[in-house]
């Protein structure tokens, strides 16, 4: 799919969707077909290999210059399953700049562009391609932080549940979150390399305002890395601890059931013995023998229950 946008300076820099490609426009390509790639390559004079590379979801963050075009690949967070909160993967986003066009290529429709299209980004102008790139990088770093905070809240909620848990469901959820954090850390560190290369200022032309904005993006990205590292360390410790807690909870249940089984086996054993024509002497001829035997069984059961309780088995 191809979407084309421009900012209309005469209309308060309003973002407009247009039908045809024009100079200094933004071309958004979402999971493009081979025909769409060929078309954009011909109309924008962009090397077709740069566009085709971005169809690989394992493409690594990097900067590449070829044929008058600069390719910047950055990893972005993307939710992969709506049934499980905060289950994310990362997908590459390609940013291609040349003298006349700005092209973004992604395998999925990314939420990070919604704020740009809805004009929520301060001083956004598609024609300022370098600034647009840095604004995207800053927005991605902020999005990572936002999701990491949400993940931390989810971890805190799971913590309360795990104290009394005896199954692996909550533990599996924590493992999924830990997997997400691993993806995030790997992508954030790769993004950090790209940001540092851009900060050298010799890959794409930058003004002082652009450099200040890039510095903010670098700081935001490093903060996201630190947050993800801290949360993963906490989560790893929690996972090990709560695996032990779940095992102990299950052991307590098994001890309780074993104790109850033994306690209730006493009346069964006594009644079984008396059903084998055992001579009971005076008790057997006593009209209250049934009540006496039941009383003895109850007393023995209560004695066992007291012993088990004292030993912490009940």
C-alpha atoms as a PDB file:
ATOM      1  CA  UNK A   1       0.000   0.000   0.000  1.00  0.00           C
ATOM      2  CA  UNK A   2       1.221   3.503  -0.831  1.00  0.00           C
ATOM      3  CA  UNK A   3       0.113   6.753   0.825  1.00  0.00           C
ATOM      4  CA  UNK A   4       1.414  10.163  -0.248  1.00  0.00           C
ATOM      5  CA  UNK A   5       1.383  13.246   1.984  1.00  0.00           C
ATOM      6  CA  UNK A   6       2.505  16.857   1.879  1.00  0.00           C
ATOM      7  CA  UNK A   7       2.367  19.813   4.232  1.00  0.00           C
ATOM      8  CA  UNK A   8       0.486  22.836   2.965  1.00  0.00           C
ATOM      9  CA  UNK A   9       2.361  25.923   4.128  1.00  0.00           C
ATOM     10  CA  UNK A  10      -0.530  28.181   3.120  1.00  0.00           C
ATOM     11  CA  UNK A  11      -2.901  26.208   5.345  1.00  0.00           C
ATOM     12  CA  UNK A  12      -0.950  26.359   8.641  1.00  0.00           C
ATOM     13  CA  UNK A  13       1.314  23.471   7.626  1.00  0.00           C
ATOM     14  CA  UNK A  14      -1.659  21.124   7.481  1.00  0.00           C
ATOM     15  CA  UNK A  15      -0.829  17.540   6.468  1.00  0.00           C
ATOM     16  CA  UNK A  16      -2.694  16.613   3.301  1.00  0.00           C
ATOM     17  CA  UNK A  17      -3.042  13.277   1.604  1.00  0.00           C
ATOM     18  CA  UNK A  18      -2.535  13.558  -2.156  1.00  0.00           C
ATOM     19  CA  UNK A  19      -2.931  11.196  -5.086  1.00  0.00           C
ATOM     20  CA  UNK A  20       0.197  11.874  -7.133  1.00  0.00           C
ATOM     21  CA  UNK A  21       3.862  12.076  -6.225  1.00  0.00           C
ATOM     22  CA  UNK A  22       5.311  15.567  -6.139  1.00  0.00           C
ATOM     23  CA  UNK A  23       8.618  17.025  -5.020  1.00  0.00           C
ATOM     24  CA  UNK A  24       9.293  17.275  -1.280  1.00  0.00           C
ATOM     25  CA  UNK A  25       6.405  14.943  -0.451  1.00  0.00           C
ATOM     26  CA  UNK A  26       6.297  12.033   1.994  1.00  0.00           C
ATOM     27  CA  UNK A  27       5.721   8.623   0.429  1.00  0.00           C
ATOM     28  CA  UNK A  28       4.544   6.035   2.966  1.00  0.00           C
ATOM     29  CA  UNK A  29       4.939   2.425   1.797  1.00  0.00           C
ATOM     30  CA  UNK A  30       3.290  -0.282   3.917  1.00  0.00           C
ATOM     31  CA  UNK A  31       4.148  -3.874   2.985  1.00  0.00           C
ATOM     32  CA  UNK A  32       4.526  -2.829  -0.675  1.00  0.00           C
ATOM     33  CA  UNK A  33       4.174  -5.229  -3.589  1.00  0.00           C
ATOM     34  CA  UNK A  34       6.893  -5.707  -6.191  1.00  0.00           C
ATOM     35  CA  UNK A  35       4.868  -3.584  -8.626  1.00  0.00           C
ATOM     36  CA  UNK A  36       4.590  -0.740  -6.092  1.00  0.00           C
ATOM     37  CA  UNK A  37       8.307  -0.905  -5.374  1.00  0.00           C
ATOM     38  CA  UNK A  38       9.094  -0.755  -9.087  1.00  0.00           C
ATOM     39  CA  UNK A  39       6.764   2.218  -9.533  1.00  0.00           C
ATOM     40  CA  UNK A  40       8.230   4.241  -6.644  1.00  0.00           C
ATOM     41  CA  UNK A  41      11.772   3.407  -7.706  1.00  0.00           C
ATOM     42  CA  UNK A  42      11.160   4.737 -11.204  1.00  0.00           C
ATOM     43  CA  UNK A  43       9.220   7.843 -10.171  1.00  0.00           C
ATOM     44  CA  UNK A  44      11.603   8.945  -7.426  1.00  0.00           C
ATOM     45  CA  UNK A  45      14.852   7.719  -8.981  1.00  0.00           C
ATOM     46  CA  UNK A  46      15.530   5.612  -5.892  1.00  0.00           C
ATOM     47  CA  UNK A  47      17.674   2.482  -6.085  1.00  0.00           C
ATOM     48  CA  UNK A  48      15.226  -0.426  -6.154  1.00  0.00           C
ATOM     49  CA  UNK A  49      17.552  -2.573  -4.026  1.00  0.00           C
ATOM     50  CA  UNK A  50      17.186  -0.139  -1.114  1.00  0.00           C
ATOM     51  CA  UNK A  51      13.418  -0.617  -1.211  1.00  0.00           C
ATOM     52  CA  UNK A  52      13.539  -4.391  -1.581  1.00  0.00           C
ATOM     53  CA  UNK A  53      15.871  -4.814   1.396  1.00  0.00           C
ATOM     54  CA  UNK A  54      13.214  -3.411   3.690  1.00  0.00           C
ATOM     55  CA  UNK A  55      10.836  -6.298   2.967  1.00  0.00           C
ATOM     56  CA  UNK A  56      12.933  -8.476   5.305  1.00  0.00           C
ATOM     57  CA  UNK A  57      11.593  -8.326   8.868  1.00  0.00           C
ATOM     58  CA  UNK A  58      15.048  -9.308  10.175  1.00  0.00           C
ATOM     59  CA  UNK A  59      16.704  -6.246   8.615  1.00  0.00           C
ATOM     60  CA  UNK A  60      19.118  -4.722  11.128  1.00  0.00           C
ATOM     61  CA  UNK A  61      19.262  -1.016  12.070  1.00  0.00           C
ATOM     62  CA  UNK A  62      21.931   0.744  10.047  1.00  0.00           C
ATOM     63  CA  UNK A  63      22.708   3.658   7.734  1.00  0.00           C
ATOM     64  CA  UNK A  64      23.472   3.119   4.066  1.00  0.00           C
ATOM     65  CA  UNK A  65      24.188   5.611   1.283  1.00  0.00           C
ATOM     66  CA  UNK A  66      23.695   4.550  -2.305  1.00  0.00           C
ATOM     67  CA  UNK A  67      22.998   6.375  -5.554  1.00  0.00           C
ATOM     68  CA  UNK A  68      22.259   9.776  -4.035  1.00  0.00           C
ATOM     69  CA  UNK A  69      19.846   8.288  -1.465  1.00  0.00           C
ATOM     70  CA  UNK A  70      20.428   7.787   2.240  1.00  0.00           C
ATOM     71  CA  UNK A  71      18.764   4.791   3.915  1.00  0.00           C
ATOM     72  CA  UNK A  72      18.243   4.772   7.666  1.00  0.00           C
ATOM     73  CA  UNK A  73      16.856   1.569   9.179  1.00  0.00           C
ATOM     74  CA  UNK A  74      15.479   1.736  12.716  1.00  0.00           C
ATOM     75  CA  UNK A  75      13.628  -0.833  14.846  1.00  0.00           C
ATOM     76  CA  UNK A  76      10.148   0.054  16.102  1.00  0.00           C
ATOM     77  CA  UNK A  77       7.920  -1.701  18.681  1.00  0.00           C
ATOM     78  CA  UNK A  78       4.831  -3.434  17.332  1.00  0.00           C
ATOM     79  CA  UNK A  79       2.098  -5.381  19.121  1.00  0.00           C
ATOM     80  CA  UNK A  80       1.786  -8.890  17.692  1.00  0.00           C
ATOM     81  CA  UNK A  81      -1.153 -10.327  19.669  1.00  0.00           C
ATOM     82  CA  UNK A  82      -4.073  -8.280  21.007  1.00  0.00           C
ATOM     83  CA  UNK A  83      -5.128 -11.090  23.377  1.00  0.00           C
ATOM     84  CA  UNK A  84      -2.041 -10.640  25.553  1.00  0.00           C
ATOM     85  CA  UNK A  85      -1.259  -7.214  26.876  1.00  0.00           C
ATOM     86  CA  UNK A  86       2.254  -5.945  26.186  1.00  0.00           C
ATOM     87  CA  UNK A  87       3.269  -8.838  23.961  1.00  0.00           C
ATOM     88  CA  UNK A  88       5.455  -7.009  21.460  1.00  0.00           C
ATOM     89  CA  UNK A  89       7.936  -7.665  18.730  1.00  0.00           C
ATOM     90  CA  UNK A  90      10.069  -5.186  16.821  1.00  0.00           C
ATOM     91  CA  UNK A  91       9.965  -4.496  13.098  1.00  0.00           C
ATOM     92  CA  UNK A  92      12.367  -2.506  10.922  1.00  0.00           C
ATOM     93  CA  UNK A  93      11.323   0.889   9.608  1.00  0.00           C
ATOM     94  CA  UNK A  94      13.183   2.245   6.598  1.00  0.00           C
ATOM     95  CA  UNK A  95      13.644   5.982   6.080  1.00  0.00           C
ATOM     96  CA  UNK A  96      14.953   6.961   2.630  1.00  0.00           C
ATOM     97  CA  UNK A  97      16.029  10.519   1.859  1.00  0.00           C
ATOM     98  CA  UNK A  98      17.160  12.090  -1.364  1.00  0.00           C
ATOM     99  CA  UNK A  99      17.162  15.623  -2.694  1.00  0.00           C
ATOM    100  CA  UNK A 100      13.500  15.608  -3.690  1.00  0.00           C
ATOM    101  CA  UNK A 101      11.604  12.897  -1.768  1.00  0.00           C
ATOM    102  CA  UNK A 102      11.190  11.333   1.653  1.00  0.00           C
ATOM    103  CA  UNK A 103      10.140   7.667   1.689  1.00  0.00           C
ATOM    104  CA  UNK A 104       9.198   5.442   4.635  1.00  0.00           C
ATOM    105  CA  UNK A 105       8.952   1.667   4.195  1.00  0.00           C
ATOM    106  CA  UNK A 106       7.524  -0.733   6.778  1.00  0.00           C
ATOM    107  CA  UNK A 107       6.046  -4.226   6.825  1.00  0.00           C
ATOM    108  CA  UNK A 108       3.217  -3.154   9.130  1.00  0.00           C
ATOM    109  CA  UNK A 109       1.060  -0.090   9.578  1.00  0.00           C
ATOM    110  CA  UNK A 110       2.814   1.698  12.443  1.00  0.00           C
ATOM    111  CA  UNK A 111       1.065   3.828  15.068  1.00  0.00           C
ATOM    112  CA  UNK A 112       4.075   6.147  15.363  1.00  0.00           C
ATOM    113  CA  UNK A 113       2.979   8.041  12.244  1.00  0.00           C
ATOM    114  CA  UNK A 114      -0.514   8.794  13.549  1.00  0.00           C
ATOM    115  CA  UNK A 115       0.660  11.829  15.522  1.00  0.00           C
ATOM    116  CA  UNK A 116       2.408  13.198  12.437  1.00  0.00           C
ATOM    117  CA  UNK A 117      -0.677  12.757  10.273  1.00  0.00           C
ATOM    118  CA  UNK A 118      -2.898  14.314  12.944  1.00  0.00           C
ATOM    119  CA  UNK A 119      -0.482  17.278  13.279  1.00  0.00           C
ATOM    120  CA  UNK A 120       0.279  16.582  16.953  1.00  0.00           C
ATOM    121  CA  UNK A 121       4.045  16.939  16.477  1.00  0.00           C
ATOM    122  CA  UNK A 122       5.395  20.417  17.148  1.00  0.00           C
ATOM    123  CA  UNK A 123       6.999  22.252  14.174  1.00  0.00           C
ATOM    124  CA  UNK A 124       6.403  19.346  11.800  1.00  0.00           C
ATOM    125  CA  UNK A 125       7.018  20.044   8.128  1.00  0.00           C
ATOM    126  CA  UNK A 126       7.468  17.238   5.581  1.00  0.00           C
ATOM    127  CA  UNK A 127       9.677  19.481   3.457  1.00  0.00           C
ATOM    128  CA  UNK A 128      12.261  19.605   6.254  1.00  0.00           C
ATOM    129  CA  UNK A 129      13.366  16.034   5.653  1.00  0.00           C
ATOM    130  CA  UNK A 130      16.270  15.938   8.127  1.00  0.00           C
ATOM    131  CA  UNK A 131      14.148  17.308  10.934  1.00  0.00           C
ATOM    132  CA  UNK A 132      11.355  14.882  10.011  1.00  0.00           C
ATOM    133  CA  UNK A 133      13.789  11.965  10.344  1.00  0.00           C
ATOM    134  CA  UNK A 134      14.978  13.109  13.772  1.00  0.00           C
ATOM    135  CA  UNK A 135      11.402  13.705  14.939  1.00  0.00           C
ATOM    136  CA  UNK A 136      10.576  10.115  13.938  1.00  0.00           C
ATOM    137  CA  UNK A 137      13.617   8.817  15.852  1.00  0.00           C
ATOM    138  CA  UNK A 138      12.655  10.845  18.923  1.00  0.00           C
ATOM    139  CA  UNK A 139       9.051   9.648  18.703  1.00  0.00           C
ATOM    140  CA  UNK A 140      10.180   6.001  18.479  1.00  0.00           C
ATOM    141  CA  UNK A 141      12.415   6.382  21.562  1.00  0.00           C
ATOM    142  CA  UNK A 142       9.511   7.973  23.460  1.00  0.00           C
ATOM    143  CA  UNK A 143       7.210   5.138  22.356  1.00  0.00           C
ATOM    144  CA  UNK A 144       9.658   2.567  23.752  1.00  0.00           C
ATOM    145  CA  UNK A 145       9.643   4.401  27.090  1.00  0.00           C
ATOM    146  CA  UNK A 146       5.857   4.570  27.119  1.00  0.00           C
ATOM    147  CA  UNK A 147       5.530   0.831  26.521  1.00  0.00           C
ATOM    148  CA  UNK A 148       8.227   0.021  29.070  1.00  0.00           C
ATOM    149  CA  UNK A 149       6.284   1.954  31.725  1.00  0.00           C
ATOM    150  CA  UNK A 150       3.141   0.021  30.810  1.00  0.00           C
ATOM    151  CA  UNK A 151       5.083  -3.255  31.036  1.00  0.00           C
ATOM    152  CA  UNK A 152       6.338  -2.284  34.508  1.00  0.00           C
ATOM    153  CA  UNK A 153       2.757  -1.635  35.646  1.00  0.00           C
ATOM    154  CA  UNK A 154       1.770  -5.044  34.313  1.00  0.00           C
ATOM    155  CA  UNK A 155       4.647  -6.672  36.212  1.00  0.00           C
ATOM    156  CA  UNK A 156       3.464  -5.034  39.456  1.00  0.00           C
ATOM    157  CA  UNK A 157      -0.070  -6.360  38.898  1.00  0.00           C
ATOM    158  CA  UNK A 158       1.214  -9.888  38.247  1.00  0.00           C
ATOM    159  CA  UNK A 159       3.299  -9.716  41.419  1.00  0.00           C
ATOM    160  CA  UNK A 160       0.186  -9.566  43.611  1.00  0.00           C
ATOM    161  CA  UNK A 161      -1.348 -12.569  41.859  1.00  0.00           C
ATOM    162  CA  UNK A 162       1.737 -14.774  42.020  1.00  0.00           C
ATOM    163  CA  UNK A 163       1.898 -14.867  45.833  1.00  0.00           C
ATOM    164  CA  UNK A 164      -1.090 -17.252  45.932  1.00  0.00           C
ATOM    165  CA  UNK A 165      -0.664 -18.885  42.533  1.00  0.00           C
ATOM    166  CA  UNK A 166      -0.256 -22.646  42.135  1.00  0.00           C
ATOM    167  CA  UNK A 167      -0.244 -22.864  38.325  1.00  0.00           C
ATOM    168  CA  UNK A 168       2.109 -21.747  35.575  1.00  0.00           C
ATOM    169  CA  UNK A 169      -0.233 -19.343  33.779  1.00  0.00           C
ATOM    170  CA  UNK A 170       1.057 -16.173  35.451  1.00  0.00           C
ATOM    171  CA  UNK A 171       4.629 -17.420  35.230  1.00  0.00           C
ATOM    172  CA  UNK A 172       4.265 -17.926  31.473  1.00  0.00           C
ATOM    173  CA  UNK A 173       2.962 -14.355  31.202  1.00  0.00           C
ATOM    174  CA  UNK A 174       6.095 -13.095  32.944  1.00  0.00           C
ATOM    175  CA  UNK A 175       8.260 -15.118  30.570  1.00  0.00           C
ATOM    176  CA  UNK A 176       6.459 -13.510  27.609  1.00  0.00           C
ATOM    177  CA  UNK A 177       7.138 -10.072  29.100  1.00  0.00           C
ATOM    178  CA  UNK A 178      10.785 -11.012  29.602  1.00  0.00           C
ATOM    179  CA  UNK A 179      10.963 -12.050  25.947  1.00  0.00           C
ATOM    180  CA  UNK A 180       9.513  -8.670  24.958  1.00  0.00           C
ATOM    181  CA  UNK A 181      12.135  -6.869  27.058  1.00  0.00           C
ATOM    182  CA  UNK A 182      14.881  -8.853  25.342  1.00  0.00           C
ATOM    183  CA  UNK A 183      13.563  -7.756  21.940  1.00  0.00           C
ATOM    184  CA  UNK A 184      13.385  -4.166  23.154  1.00  0.00           C
ATOM    185  CA  UNK A 185      16.921  -4.102  24.551  1.00  0.00           C
ATOM    186  CA  UNK A 186      18.405  -5.613  21.389  1.00  0.00           C
ATOM    187  CA  UNK A 187      16.576  -3.131  19.169  1.00  0.00           C
ATOM    188  CA  UNK A 188      17.268  -0.114  21.383  1.00  0.00           C
ATOM    189  CA  UNK A 189      20.997  -0.813  21.444  1.00  0.00           C
ATOM    190  CA  UNK A 190      21.047  -1.198  17.655  1.00  0.00           C
ATOM    191  CA  UNK A 191      19.071   2.059  17.331  1.00  0.00           C
ATOM    192  CA  UNK A 192      21.590   3.737  19.615  1.00  0.00           C
ATOM    193  CA  UNK A 193      24.396   2.919  17.174  1.00  0.00           C
ATOM    194  CA  UNK A 194      22.410   4.536  14.342  1.00  0.00           C
ATOM    195  CA  UNK A 195      21.726   7.653  16.426  1.00  0.00           C
ATOM    196  CA  UNK A 196      25.395   8.026  17.363  1.00  0.00           C
ATOM    197  CA  UNK A 197      26.407   7.776  13.709  1.00  0.00           C
ATOM    198  CA  UNK A 198      23.913  10.479  12.787  1.00  0.00           C
ATOM    199  CA  UNK A 199      25.244  12.621  15.619  1.00  0.00           C
ATOM    200  CA  UNK A 200      28.603  12.873  13.859  1.00  0.00           C
ATOM    201  CA  UNK A 201      26.828  15.195  11.409  1.00  0.00           C
ATOM    202  CA  UNK A 202      28.505  13.991   8.213  1.00  0.00           C
ATOM    203  CA  UNK A 203      25.833  11.591   6.908  1.00  0.00           C
ATOM    204  CA  UNK A 204      22.906  13.952   6.387  1.00  0.00           C
ATOM    205  CA  UNK A 205      22.986  17.755   6.460  1.00  0.00           C
ATOM    206  CA  UNK A 206      21.889  19.206   9.803  1.00  0.00           C
ATOM    207  CA  UNK A 207      21.250  22.611  11.283  1.00  0.00           C
ATOM    208  CA  UNK A 208      21.945  23.447  14.906  1.00  0.00           C
ATOM    209  CA  UNK A 209      18.258  22.958  15.706  1.00  0.00           C
ATOM    210  CA  UNK A 210      18.430  19.470  14.188  1.00  0.00           C
ATOM    211  CA  UNK A 211      21.498  18.589  16.279  1.00  0.00           C
ATOM    212  CA  UNK A 212      19.733  19.668  19.478  1.00  0.00           C
ATOM    213  CA  UNK A 213      16.712  17.557  18.577  1.00  0.00           C
ATOM    214  CA  UNK A 214      18.970  14.599  17.768  1.00  0.00           C
ATOM    215  CA  UNK A 215      20.641  14.977  21.161  1.00  0.00           C
ATOM    216  CA  UNK A 216      17.207  14.688  22.773  1.00  0.00           C
ATOM    217  CA  UNK A 217      16.519  11.527  20.755  1.00  0.00           C
ATOM    218  CA  UNK A 218      19.844  10.008  21.876  1.00  0.00           C
ATOM    219  CA  UNK A 219      19.098  10.790  25.527  1.00  0.00           C
ATOM    220  CA  UNK A 220      15.566   9.343  25.275  1.00  0.00           C
ATOM    221  CA  UNK A 221      16.904   6.182  23.634  1.00  0.00           C
ATOM    222  CA  UNK A 222      19.599   5.670  26.276  1.00  0.00           C
ATOM    223  CA  UNK A 223      17.020   6.162  29.031  1.00  0.00           C
ATOM    224  CA  UNK A 224      14.840   3.521  27.374  1.00  0.00           C
ATOM    225  CA  UNK A 225      17.813   1.121  27.321  1.00  0.00           C
ATOM    226  CA  UNK A 226      18.430   1.689  31.049  1.00  0.00           C
ATOM    227  CA  UNK A 227      14.737   1.206  31.846  1.00  0.00           C
ATOM    228  CA  UNK A 228      14.549  -2.031  29.837  1.00  0.00           C
ATOM    229  CA  UNK A 229      17.733  -3.377  31.494  1.00  0.00           C
ATOM    230  CA  UNK A 230      16.411  -2.619  34.988  1.00  0.00           C
ATOM    231  CA  UNK A 231      12.989  -4.140  34.281  1.00  0.00           C
ATOM    232  CA  UNK A 232      14.548  -7.276  32.800  1.00  0.00           C
ATOM    233  CA  UNK A 233      16.794  -7.747  35.847  1.00  0.00           C
ATOM    234  CA  UNK A 234      13.804  -7.306  38.155  1.00  0.00           C
ATOM    235  CA  UNK A 235      11.717  -9.677  36.054  1.00  0.00           C
ATOM    236  CA  UNK A 236      14.434 -12.349  35.953  1.00  0.00           C
ATOM    237  CA  UNK A 237      14.714 -12.229  39.734  1.00  0.00           C
ATOM    238  CA  UNK A 238      10.921 -12.289  40.097  1.00  0.00           C
ATOM    239  CA  UNK A 239      10.543 -15.244  37.745  1.00  0.00           C
ATOM    240  CA  UNK A 240      13.040 -17.349  39.718  1.00  0.00           C
ATOM    241  CA  UNK A 241      11.526 -16.316  43.048  1.00  0.00           C
ATOM    242  CA  UNK A 242       7.931 -16.970  42.062  1.00  0.00           C
ATOM    243  CA  UNK A 243       8.766 -20.278  40.435  1.00  0.00           C
ATOM    244  CA  UNK A 244       9.929 -21.304  43.900  1.00  0.00           C
ATOM    245  CA  UNK A 245       6.813 -19.781  45.522  1.00  0.00           C
ATOM    246  CA  UNK A 246       4.509 -21.669  43.152  1.00  0.00           C
ATOM    247  CA  UNK A 247       6.375 -24.891  43.919  1.00  0.00           C
ATOM    248  CA  UNK A 248       6.099 -24.243  47.664  1.00  0.00           C
ATOM    249  CA  UNK A 249       2.395 -23.418  47.386  1.00  0.00           C
ATOM    250  CA  UNK A 250       1.839 -26.691  45.585  1.00  0.00           C
ATOM    251  CA  UNK A 251       3.852 -28.567  48.212  1.00  0.00           C
ATOM    252  CA  UNK A 252       1.717 -27.020  50.967  1.00  0.00           C
ATOM    253  CA  UNK A 253      -1.440 -28.199  49.212  1.00  0.00           C
ATOM    254  CA  UNK A 254      -0.022 -31.714  48.839  1.00  0.00           C
ATOM    255  CA  UNK A 255       0.952 -31.793  52.532  1.00  0.00           C
ATOM    256  CA  UNK A 256      -2.527 -30.641  53.501  1.00  0.00           C
ATOM    257  CA  UNK A 257      -4.204 -33.290  51.344  1.00  0.00           C
ATOM    258  CA  UNK A 258      -1.878 -36.016  52.650  1.00  0.00           C
ATOM    259  CA  UNK A 259      -2.640 -35.005  56.246  1.00  0.00           C
ATOM    260  CA  UNK A 260      -6.405 -34.979  55.617  1.00  0.00           C
ATOM    261  CA  UNK A 261      -6.142 -38.410  53.980  1.00  0.00           C
ATOM    262  CA  UNK A 262      -4.325 -39.851  56.999  1.00  0.00           C
ATOM    263  CA  UNK A 263      -6.776 -38.278  59.484  1.00  0.00           C
ATOM    264  CA  UNK A 264      -9.823 -39.649  57.689  1.00  0.00           C
ATOM    265  CA  UNK A 265      -8.192 -43.046  57.283  1.00  0.00           C
ATOM    266  CA  UNK A 266      -8.333 -43.641  61.080  1.00  0.00           C
ATOM    267  CA  UNK A 267     -12.132 -44.205  61.264  1.00  0.00           C
ATOM    268  CA  UNK A 268     -11.884 -46.313  58.104  1.00  0.00           C
ATOM    269  CA  UNK A 269      -9.182 -48.543  59.616  1.00  0.00           C
ATOM    270  CA  UNK A 270     -11.103 -48.980  62.875  1.00  0.00           C
ATOM    271  CA  UNK A 271     -14.372 -49.851  61.145  1.00  0.00           C
ATOM    272  CA  UNK A 272     -12.536 -52.290  58.871  1.00  0.00           C
ATOM    273  CA  UNK A 273     -10.996 -54.086  61.821  1.00  0.00           C
ATOM    274  CA  UNK A 274     -14.317 -54.343  63.633  1.00  0.00           C
ATOM    275  CA  UNK A 275     -15.927 -55.798  60.544  1.00  0.00           C
ATOM    276  CA  UNK A 276     -13.634 -58.855  60.692  1.00  0.00           C
ATOM    277  CA  UNK A 277     -15.410 -60.658  63.584  1.00  0.00           C
ATOM    278  CA  UNK A 278     -12.930 -59.307  66.142  1.00  0.00           C
ATOM    279  CA  UNK A 279     -13.826 -60.232  69.736  1.00  0.00           C
ATOM    280  CA  UNK A 280     -14.470 -56.980  71.656  1.00  0.00           C
ATOM    281  CA  UNK A 281     -15.308 -58.426  75.094  1.00  0.00           C
ATOM    282  CA  UNK A 282     -17.456 -56.161  77.255  1.00  0.00           C
ATOM    283  CA  UNK A 283     -17.491 -53.404  74.641  1.00  0.00           C
ATOM    284  CA  UNK A 284     -19.092 -55.745  72.132  1.00  0.00           C
ATOM    285  CA  UNK A 285     -22.015 -56.468  74.497  1.00  0.00           C
ATOM    286  CA  UNK A 286     -22.426 -52.853  75.601  1.00  0.00           C
ATOM    287  CA  UNK A 287     -25.520 -51.187  74.093  1.00  0.00           C
ATOM    288  CA  UNK A 288     -23.460 -48.020  73.606  1.00  0.00           C
ATOM    289  CA  UNK A 289     -20.568 -49.789  71.854  1.00  0.00           C
ATOM    290  CA  UNK A 290     -21.247 -48.017  68.532  1.00  0.00           C
ATOM    291  CA  UNK A 291     -21.086 -44.595  70.160  1.00  0.00           C
ATOM    292  CA  UNK A 292     -17.936 -45.585  72.094  1.00  0.00           C
ATOM    293  CA  UNK A 293     -16.153 -46.762  68.940  1.00  0.00           C
ATOM    294  CA  UNK A 294     -17.193 -43.619  67.027  1.00  0.00           C
ATOM    295  CA  UNK A 295     -15.956 -41.492  69.942  1.00  0.00           C
ATOM    296  CA  UNK A 296     -12.570 -43.283  69.984  1.00  0.00           C
ATOM    297  CA  UNK A 297     -12.240 -42.809  66.203  1.00  0.00           C
ATOM    298  CA  UNK A 298     -13.030 -39.089  66.477  1.00  0.00           C
ATOM    299  CA  UNK A 299     -10.598 -38.619  69.374  1.00  0.00           C
ATOM    300  CA  UNK A 300      -7.791 -40.375  67.473  1.00  0.00           C
ATOM    301  CA  UNK A 301      -8.521 -38.276  64.366  1.00  0.00           C
ATOM    302  CA  UNK A 302      -8.474 -35.050  66.431  1.00  0.00           C
ATOM    303  CA  UNK A 303      -5.212 -36.112  68.057  1.00  0.00           C
ATOM    304  CA  UNK A 304      -3.633 -36.696  64.641  1.00  0.00           C
ATOM    305  CA  UNK A 305      -4.997 -33.362  63.413  1.00  0.00           C
ATOM    306  CA  UNK A 306      -3.409 -31.601  66.428  1.00  0.00           C
ATOM    307  CA  UNK A 307      -0.061 -33.297  65.815  1.00  0.00           C
ATOM    308  CA  UNK A 308      -0.109 -32.385  62.097  1.00  0.00           C
ATOM    309  CA  UNK A 309      -1.104 -28.825  62.924  1.00  0.00           C
ATOM    310  CA  UNK A 310       1.775 -28.521  65.358  1.00  0.00           C
ATOM    311  CA  UNK A 311       4.175 -29.781  62.690  1.00  0.00           C
ATOM    312  CA  UNK A 312       2.833 -27.276  60.160  1.00  0.00           C
ATOM    313  CA  UNK A 313       1.188 -29.847  57.902  1.00  0.00           C
ATOM    314  CA  UNK A 314      -2.307 -28.370  58.281  1.00  0.00           C
END
